[in-house]
Amino acid sequence: MNGVLVIDKPQGPTSFEVVRRVRSALGLKRAGHTGTLDPMATGVLPVCLGEATKLAGLLTEGDKAYDAVVRLGVVTDTQDVTGTVLETRAVPPLSTELLEAALQRFRGTFSQVPPMYSAVKVKGKRLYERARAGESVEQRTESVHSEAEKSRSTSEYTVTCRGVRSTDSPARARS
């Protein structure tokens, strides 16, 4: 069997687990996903089957758009909802102007250091695995291009991101 199966990944399983289930259900040896979604993430996960695994690189070249629910005023040790809360802050009343000002730093091209609790691999091992083992590693910044567009309501924005792995400057990751 050859082709691309579009999976609506539920919250919980890793992308690898979804591929394992597809392989098992279809009796395939060759199958792979086109990009890792965090276990807590839901959304489209294209799974390439058989000869279509050769297309995986082509399918990941385009821009990606993300919808997210953001909780303001909370800091966690993993920089996401799964972590231990380290700090809470009062959130001021929000206005369109305040949201626009905050989003401005996420528009255009900028460098970022991926969080330690991410699926980025450094020397063959995922950062979240290293973080859970208490390791701190030096890693490279990534160049990211992002556009945030306001939707119809004050609370809805569409964010489109492009990322290109860069080796321009090493950065010390947080442990």
Protein backbone atom coordinates (compact mmCIF):
# COMPACT_ATOMS: atom_id res chain seq x y z
CA MET A 1 0.00 0.00 0.00
CA ASN A 2 1.34 3.43 -0.99
CA GLY A 3 -0.05 6.88 -0.26
CA VAL A 4 -0.56 9.52 2.37
CA LEU A 5 -3.03 8.95 5.17
CA VAL A 6 -4.22 12.12 6.88
CA ILE A 7 -4.76 11.46 10.59
CA ASP A 8 -6.59 13.77 13.00
CA LYS A 9 -4.24 13.05 15.92
CA PRO A 10 -5.99 13.13 19.29
CA GLN A 11 -4.40 14.39 22.48
CA GLY A 12 -2.31 11.71 24.21
CA PRO A 13 -0.34 9.54 21.81
CA THR A 14 3.01 10.58 20.37
CA SER A 15 3.32 10.93 16.61
CA PHE A 16 5.46 7.77 16.61
CA GLU A 17 2.71 5.89 18.46
CA VAL A 18 0.17 6.96 15.81
CA VAL A 19 2.49 5.65 13.06
CA ARG A 20 3.00 2.40 15.00
CA ARG A 21 -0.78 1.93 15.20
CA VAL A 22 -1.18 2.63 11.46
CA ARG A 23 1.58 0.12 10.61
CA SER A 24 -0.04 -2.50 12.80
CA ALA A 25 -3.58 -1.91 11.55
CA LEU A 26 -2.55 -1.97 7.87
CA GLY A 27 0.19 -4.60 8.15
CA LEU A 28 2.85 -2.27 6.75
CA LYS A 29 6.60 -2.18 7.29
CA ARG A 30 7.19 1.29 5.81
CA ALA A 31 5.27 4.23 7.20
CA GLY A 32 6.32 7.52 8.72
CA HIS A 33 4.95 10.89 9.79
CA THR A 34 5.91 14.23 8.31
CA GLY A 35 6.53 16.11 11.55
CA THR A 36 6.28 15.53 15.26
CA LEU A 37 3.25 16.77 17.16
CA ASP A 38 3.64 16.93 20.93
CA PRO A 39 1.58 14.30 22.77
CA MET A 40 -0.69 17.05 24.15
CA ALA A 41 -1.24 18.51 20.66
CA THR A 42 -4.15 17.60 18.44
CA GLY A 43 -4.32 18.12 14.70
CA VAL A 44 -3.40 16.97 11.24
CA LEU A 45 -0.63 14.36 11.11
CA PRO A 46 0.10 13.18 7.56
CA VAL A 47 1.39 9.59 7.58
CA CYS A 48 3.25 8.45 4.47
CA LEU A 49 2.76 4.79 3.53
CA GLY A 50 5.11 2.56 1.53
CA GLU A 51 6.76 4.32 -1.42
CA ALA A 52 5.14 7.60 -0.35
CA THR A 53 7.63 7.80 2.55
CA LYS A 54 9.99 9.26 -0.09
CA LEU A 55 7.67 12.29 -0.30
CA ALA A 56 7.80 13.17 3.41
CA GLY A 57 10.46 15.85 2.93
CA LEU A 58 8.42 17.56 0.22
CA LEU A 59 5.28 17.61 2.35
CA THR A 60 7.04 19.46 5.19
CA GLU A 61 8.43 22.32 3.08
CA GLY A 62 5.39 24.59 3.31
CA ASP A 63 4.23 26.98 5.99
CA LYS A 64 2.32 25.66 8.98
CA ALA A 65 -0.55 27.35 10.78
CA TYR A 66 -1.34 26.71 14.43
CA ASP A 67 -4.39 27.25 16.57
CA ALA A 68 -3.68 27.42 20.27
CA VAL A 69 -5.42 28.14 23.51
CA VAL A 70 -3.12 30.29 25.61
CA ARG A 71 -3.32 30.74 29.35
CA LEU A 72 -1.91 34.11 30.33
CA GLY A 73 -0.28 34.76 33.68
CA VAL A 74 1.10 31.26 34.31
CA VAL A 75 4.75 30.15 34.09
CA THR A 76 5.58 26.42 34.07
CA ASP A 77 8.86 24.52 34.09
CA THR A 78 8.12 23.00 30.66
CA GLN A 79 6.73 26.19 29.05
CA ASP A 80 3.45 24.40 28.37
CA VAL A 81 0.35 23.22 30.20
CA THR A 82 1.90 19.86 31.19
CA GLY A 83 4.53 21.40 33.48
CA THR A 84 4.60 22.30 37.14
CA VAL A 85 3.40 25.84 37.80
CA LEU A 86 6.34 27.94 38.95
CA GLU A 87 4.68 31.33 39.06
CA THR A 88 1.34 33.03 38.53
CA ARG A 89 0.83 36.67 37.69
CA ALA A 90 -2.17 38.94 37.49
CA VAL A 91 -3.33 39.55 33.93
CA PRO A 92 -4.35 43.13 33.14
CA PRO A 93 -7.54 43.79 31.19
CA LEU A 94 -6.83 43.04 27.53
CA SER A 95 -7.51 45.28 24.60
CA THR A 96 -6.91 44.91 20.88
CA GLU A 97 -4.07 47.42 21.15
CA LEU A 98 -2.36 45.49 23.98
CA LEU A 99 -2.67 42.17 22.09
CA GLU A 100 -1.33 43.75 18.90
CA ALA A 101 1.67 45.16 20.78
CA ALA A 102 2.40 41.76 22.37
CA LEU A 103 2.12 39.92 19.05
CA GLN A 104 4.42 42.34 17.27
CA ARG A 105 7.53 40.58 18.60
CA PHE A 106 6.30 37.36 16.96
CA ARG A 107 5.96 38.91 13.50
CA GLY A 108 8.73 38.67 10.93
CA THR A 109 11.96 36.70 11.09
CA PHE A 110 13.74 36.17 14.38
CA SER A 111 16.00 33.67 16.13
CA GLN A 112 14.81 31.45 18.93
CA VAL A 113 16.18 28.69 21.10
CA PRO A 114 13.78 25.73 21.13
CA PRO A 115 12.51 24.94 24.63
CA MET A 116 14.16 22.00 26.40
CA TYR A 117 10.78 20.28 26.45
CA SER A 118 10.54 20.00 22.66
CA ALA A 119 10.94 17.24 20.09
CA VAL A 120 14.02 18.85 18.52
CA LYS A 121 16.91 16.40 18.35
CA VAL A 122 20.40 17.30 19.55
CA LYS A 123 23.09 14.67 18.94
CA GLY A 124 20.44 12.04 18.16
CA LYS A 125 18.34 12.51 21.29
CA ARG A 126 15.16 14.56 21.70
CA LEU A 127 15.45 17.59 23.97
CA TYR A 128 12.49 16.53 26.13
CA GLU A 129 14.28 13.24 26.84
CA ARG A 130 17.39 15.15 27.91
CA ALA A 131 15.32 17.56 30.03
CA ARG A 132 13.57 14.71 31.84
CA ALA A 133 16.99 13.17 32.56
CA GLY A 134 18.15 16.48 34.08
CA GLU A 135 20.60 17.23 31.26
CA SER A 136 21.33 20.72 29.97
CA VAL A 137 22.80 20.89 26.47
CA GLU A 138 24.22 23.56 24.23
CA GLN A 139 22.08 23.92 21.14
CA ARG A 140 21.80 26.15 18.12
CA THR A 141 19.28 28.88 17.58
CA GLU A 142 16.69 28.41 14.88
CA SER A 143 15.58 31.06 12.44
CA VAL A 144 11.80 31.33 12.41
CA HIS A 145 9.46 33.42 10.29
CA SER A 146 6.06 34.04 11.78
CA GLU A 147 3.02 36.08 10.84
CA ALA A 148 0.09 36.69 13.16
CA GLU A 149 -3.13 37.91 11.63
CA LYS A 150 -6.14 39.11 13.59
CA SER A 151 -9.38 37.29 12.95
CA ARG A 152 -12.86 38.73 13.39
CA SER A 153 -12.84 38.90 17.16
CA THR A 154 -10.39 40.39 19.65
CA SER A 155 -9.41 36.97 20.97
CA GLU A 156 -8.75 35.14 17.69
CA TYR A 157 -5.47 35.28 15.79
CA THR A 158 -4.06 33.04 13.08
CA VAL A 159 -0.33 32.41 13.40
CA THR A 160 1.62 31.04 10.42
CA CYS A 161 5.18 29.87 11.06
CA ARG A 162 8.14 28.88 8.94
CA GLY A 163 11.25 27.47 10.55
CA VAL A 164 14.66 26.75 9.11
CA ARG A 165 17.22 25.01 11.31
CA SER A 166 20.14 27.34 11.63
CA THR A 167 23.66 27.02 12.95
CA ASP A 168 24.31 30.73 13.27
CA SER A 169 24.89 30.90 17.00
CA PRO A 170 25.04 28.39 19.83
CA ALA A 171 22.84 29.05 22.82
CA ARG A 172 22.72 27.58 26.28
CA ALA A 173 19.41 25.81 26.82
CA ARG A 174 17.57 26.12 30.09
CA SER A 175 17.71 23.05 32.29
